[in-house]
């Protein structure tokens, strides 16, 4: 993995918590903070994606179109499934 060094400023009480946690986990500060950032950013990306889907599918015209399409596919194939 390609890495870059950065400098950040954090409150001393937060650094104490980080240090205690990393000591318990036998992990470096850098690795711990990187893991937390990755997890939080992935959660944020997923939340934004869900919000975008919710916005699109809250549109009644799009919902109707999706329902019509699904019903069309439901009646289009045999009971064994559809070959693509």
Protein backbone atom coordinates (compact mmCIF):
# COMPACT_ATOMS: atom_id res chain seq x y z
CA UNK A 1 0.00 0.00 0.00
CA UNK A 2 1.27 3.43 -0.92
CA UNK A 3 1.36 5.73 2.11
CA UNK A 4 1.98 9.39 2.82
CA UNK A 5 2.90 11.07 6.04
CA UNK A 6 0.68 13.86 7.37
CA UNK A 7 0.58 15.92 10.53
CA UNK A 8 -2.65 16.44 12.46
CA UNK A 9 -3.47 18.21 15.68
CA UNK A 10 -5.74 16.45 18.17
CA UNK A 11 -6.80 17.33 21.70
CA UNK A 12 -4.58 15.79 24.36
CA UNK A 13 -7.47 13.86 25.96
CA UNK A 14 -8.20 12.23 22.60
CA UNK A 15 -4.54 11.34 22.17
CA UNK A 16 -4.59 9.70 25.62
CA UNK A 17 -7.51 7.52 24.54
CA UNK A 18 -5.76 6.66 21.27
CA UNK A 19 -2.56 5.75 23.07
CA UNK A 20 -4.33 3.54 25.61
CA UNK A 21 -6.30 1.79 22.89
CA UNK A 22 -3.30 1.22 20.63
CA UNK A 23 -1.28 -0.10 23.55
CA UNK A 24 -4.03 -2.59 24.40
CA UNK A 25 -4.21 -3.70 20.78
CA UNK A 26 -0.45 -3.72 20.20
CA UNK A 27 -0.95 -1.41 17.27
CA UNK A 28 0.70 1.80 16.13
CA UNK A 29 -1.14 5.11 16.32
CA UNK A 30 -0.83 5.46 12.59
CA UNK A 31 -2.39 2.08 11.83
CA UNK A 32 -5.18 2.60 14.35
CA UNK A 33 -6.10 6.06 13.04
CA UNK A 34 -5.89 4.84 9.44
CA UNK A 35 -8.23 1.93 10.19
CA UNK A 36 -10.73 4.23 11.91
CA UNK A 37 -10.62 6.73 9.06
CA UNK A 38 -11.10 4.01 6.45
CA UNK A 39 -14.05 2.55 8.34
CA UNK A 40 -15.70 5.94 8.81
CA UNK A 41 -15.15 7.00 5.20
CA UNK A 42 -16.58 3.74 3.87
CA UNK A 43 -19.62 4.20 6.14
CA UNK A 44 -20.03 7.75 4.83
CA UNK A 45 -19.77 6.57 1.21
CA UNK A 46 -22.41 3.91 1.85
CA UNK A 47 -24.70 6.45 3.55
CA UNK A 48 -24.38 8.85 0.63
CA UNK A 49 -25.12 6.06 -1.86
CA UNK A 50 -28.20 5.02 0.12
CA UNK A 51 -29.37 8.64 0.27
CA UNK A 52 -29.00 8.91 -3.52
CA UNK A 53 -31.03 5.72 -4.06
CA UNK A 54 -33.66 6.95 -1.62
CA UNK A 55 -33.96 10.26 -3.50
CA UNK A 56 -34.32 8.54 -6.87
CA UNK A 57 -36.80 5.91 -5.73
CA UNK A 58 -38.90 8.35 -3.72
CA UNK A 59 -39.98 9.80 -7.08
CA UNK A 60 -43.41 8.23 -7.74
CA UNK A 61 -42.89 8.23 -11.53
CA UNK A 62 -39.67 6.23 -11.18
CA UNK A 63 -41.30 3.87 -8.67
CA UNK A 64 -44.14 3.23 -11.10
CA UNK A 65 -41.74 2.59 -13.95
CA UNK A 66 -39.71 0.17 -11.82
CA UNK A 67 -42.87 -1.69 -10.78
CA UNK A 68 -44.05 -1.98 -14.41
CA UNK A 69 -40.63 -3.25 -15.49
CA UNK A 70 -40.49 -5.81 -12.66
CA UNK A 71 -43.99 -7.04 -13.47
CA UNK A 72 -43.02 -7.33 -17.13
CA UNK A 73 -39.98 -9.44 -16.28
CA UNK A 74 -42.01 -11.55 -13.88
CA UNK A 75 -44.36 -12.64 -16.65
CA UNK A 76 -41.75 -12.88 -19.40
CA UNK A 77 -39.94 -16.13 -18.64
CA UNK A 78 -40.55 -19.72 -17.78
CA UNK A 79 -40.70 -21.03 -14.24
CA UNK A 80 -37.15 -22.37 -14.62
CA UNK A 81 -35.71 -18.92 -14.97
CA UNK A 82 -34.49 -16.68 -17.72
CA UNK A 83 -31.51 -17.39 -19.91
CA UNK A 84 -29.61 -14.24 -20.73
